[in-house]
Amino acid sequence: MTSRTRERDLTALHNAPLHWGVDIHLTPAEFETFLNSLYERDDRLGLRADTTHVLPSETVDAYVLSGHVEALRTEDIDGDLWDALEDLDETAADEDEAWRKIRAFYLDRGCVALHVGDDEYLLTEALARRLNLL
C-alpha cells in the first residue's frame, strides 16, 4: 500500500458517518413507546419533552414516521419498493432482491436501519440522532 493510497483510505474513513450501517432492533412495544415519544410539527419530527404541548394532529404513528425515512419495508405500509428501486436506476428479479439493493444503497451512504420484527425503516444518521436512536 502506497502512502497516497493509505492517505485516501484514512480520508475516506475520517469522512465516513460515525454510525455507518448501524442496525437498531426494537420490539413492537419499544417501537410503540418510541413513536409515542415523538411529535410532528411543521413537517419535522421532534422528541417530546415533559413541557412539550402536543396537539392530537401532531402525534406520530408508523405511517407518519414513514414520511420521514429514506426507505421502508413493512407489512402495513406500502413503501413503493419498485419506484424506490427505479429512482436508483436499478432493477431486480423480485422484492427481496429489490430491498437488498435499496438497503445497500442507503446503508452505504450512512443511513441507519431500524428493525421492528420483520419491518425495516432506513433513516438518515441525522434523523436517528435527532430522535435519540443513536
Protein backbone atom coordinates (compact mmCIF):
# COMPACT_ATOMS: atom_id res chain seq x y z
CA MET A 1 0.00 0.00 0.00
CA THR A 2 1.45 3.31 -1.00
CA SER A 3 1.32 6.34 1.27
CA ARG A 4 -1.05 8.02 -1.21
CA THR A 5 -3.47 5.06 -1.06
CA ARG A 6 -3.24 4.99 2.73
CA GLU A 7 -3.92 8.75 2.83
CA ARG A 8 -7.02 8.31 0.62
CA ASP A 9 -8.25 5.43 2.81
CA LEU A 10 -7.77 7.45 6.00
CA THR A 11 -9.53 10.46 4.47
CA ALA A 12 -12.49 8.28 3.46
CA LEU A 13 -12.60 6.76 6.94
CA HIS A 14 -12.43 10.19 8.57
CA ASN A 15 -15.29 11.48 6.41
CA ALA A 16 -17.48 8.40 6.94
CA PRO A 17 -20.52 8.77 9.21
CA LEU A 18 -19.88 7.72 12.79
CA HIS A 19 -22.61 5.06 12.80
CA TRP A 20 -22.25 3.84 9.24
CA GLY A 21 -24.52 0.88 8.60
CA VAL A 22 -25.90 0.55 12.13
CA ASP A 23 -28.81 -1.81 12.74
CA ILE A 24 -31.14 -0.93 15.62
CA HIS A 25 -33.65 -3.53 16.80
CA LEU A 26 -36.82 -2.64 18.71
CA THR A 27 -39.62 -4.87 19.89
CA PRO A 28 -43.13 -3.84 18.82
CA ALA A 29 -43.72 -2.49 22.36
CA GLU A 30 -40.46 -0.49 22.28
CA PHE A 31 -41.38 0.85 18.85
CA GLU A 32 -44.76 1.99 20.12
CA THR A 33 -43.07 3.73 23.07
CA PHE A 34 -40.63 5.33 20.63
CA LEU A 35 -43.46 6.60 18.41
CA ASN A 36 -45.29 7.97 21.45
CA SER A 37 -42.16 9.95 22.35
CA LEU A 38 -42.32 11.85 19.05
CA TYR A 39 -44.38 14.65 17.57
CA GLU A 40 -44.56 16.15 14.08
CA ARG A 41 -44.78 19.91 13.70
CA ASP A 42 -44.19 21.90 10.51
CA ASP A 43 -43.23 18.69 8.67
CA ARG A 44 -40.43 17.98 11.16
CA LEU A 45 -40.21 15.20 13.73
CA GLY A 46 -39.19 16.08 17.25
CA LEU A 47 -38.79 14.44 20.63
CA ARG A 48 -41.39 15.28 23.22
CA ALA A 49 -40.15 16.89 26.40
CA ASP A 50 -42.17 17.00 29.61
CA THR A 51 -43.14 20.55 28.75
CA THR A 52 -43.97 19.90 25.07
CA HIS A 53 -47.63 20.52 24.34
CA VAL A 54 -48.63 18.19 21.51
CA LEU A 55 -51.88 18.57 19.62
CA PRO A 56 -53.69 15.41 18.51
CA SER A 57 -52.82 16.32 14.91
CA GLU A 58 -49.11 16.25 15.84
CA THR A 59 -48.97 12.67 17.14
CA VAL A 60 -46.75 10.22 15.30
CA ASP A 61 -47.62 6.70 14.24
CA ALA A 62 -45.77 4.38 11.88
CA TYR A 63 -47.44 5.99 8.87
CA VAL A 64 -46.31 9.49 9.89
CA LEU A 65 -42.79 8.18 10.56
CA SER A 66 -42.76 6.61 7.09
CA GLY A 67 -42.91 10.08 5.57
CA HIS A 68 -39.57 10.96 7.18
CA VAL A 69 -37.50 7.87 6.41
CA GLU A 70 -35.40 7.26 3.30
CA ALA A 71 -36.99 3.88 2.60
CA LEU A 72 -39.02 1.23 4.37
CA ARG A 73 -40.26 -2.30 4.04
CA THR A 74 -43.25 -3.11 6.21
CA GLU A 75 -46.34 -5.27 6.05
CA ASP A 76 -48.67 -2.39 6.95
CA ILE A 77 -47.33 0.49 4.84
CA ASP A 78 -46.64 0.46 1.11
CA GLY A 79 -43.11 1.77 0.75
CA ASP A 80 -43.34 1.88 -3.04
CA LEU A 81 -40.41 -0.52 -3.36
CA TRP A 82 -40.33 -0.59 -7.15
CA ASP A 83 -40.41 3.20 -7.53
CA ALA A 84 -37.59 3.49 -4.98
CA LEU A 85 -35.55 0.96 -6.95
CA GLU A 86 -36.24 2.79 -10.20
CA ASP A 87 -35.05 6.05 -8.60
CA LEU A 88 -31.72 4.28 -8.02
CA ASP A 89 -31.56 3.20 -11.69
CA GLU A 90 -31.58 -0.43 -10.56
CA THR A 91 -33.62 -3.49 -11.46
CA ALA A 92 -34.39 -6.65 -9.54
CA ALA A 93 -35.98 -10.02 -10.17
CA ASP A 94 -38.13 -9.93 -7.01
CA GLU A 95 -39.00 -7.85 -3.96
CA ASP A 96 -36.28 -9.40 -1.79
CA GLU A 97 -33.57 -8.52 -4.30
CA ALA A 98 -35.06 -5.04 -4.73
CA TRP A 99 -34.98 -4.43 -0.98
CA ARG A 100 -31.39 -5.71 -0.70
CA LYS A 101 -30.31 -3.20 -3.36
CA ILE A 102 -32.24 -0.32 -1.80
CA ARG A 103 -30.94 -1.19 1.67
CA ALA A 104 -27.34 -1.43 0.46
CA PHE A 105 -27.64 1.92 -1.33
CA TYR A 106 -28.80 3.77 1.78
CA LEU A 107 -26.59 1.97 4.29
CA ASP A 108 -23.56 2.69 2.10
CA ARG A 109 -24.48 6.37 2.46
CA GLY A 110 -24.55 6.30 6.25
CA CYS A 111 -28.19 5.56 6.93
CA VAL A 112 -29.34 3.62 9.96
CA ALA A 113 -31.61 0.56 9.78
CA LEU A 114 -34.39 0.41 12.35
CA HIS A 115 -35.88 -3.09 12.69
CA VAL A 116 -39.22 -3.83 14.32
CA GLY A 117 -39.90 -7.52 13.91
CA ASP A 118 -39.84 -8.15 10.14
CA ASP A 119 -40.35 -4.44 9.35
CA GLU A 120 -37.43 -2.20 8.49
CA TYR A 121 -37.08 1.57 8.25
CA LEU A 122 -33.98 3.31 6.84
CA LEU A 123 -33.29 6.69 8.46
CA THR A 124 -30.55 9.20 7.88
CA GLU A 125 -28.00 9.30 10.65
CA ALA A 126 -29.01 12.91 11.39
CA LEU A 127 -32.66 11.90 11.88
CA ALA A 128 -31.69 8.90 14.02
CA ARG A 129 -29.57 11.17 16.24
CA ARG A 130 -32.31 13.83 16.49
CA LEU A 131 -34.80 11.15 17.54
CA ASN A 132 -32.37 9.80 20.13
CA LEU A 133 -31.92 6.41 18.44
CA LEU A 134 -28.14 6.87 18.46
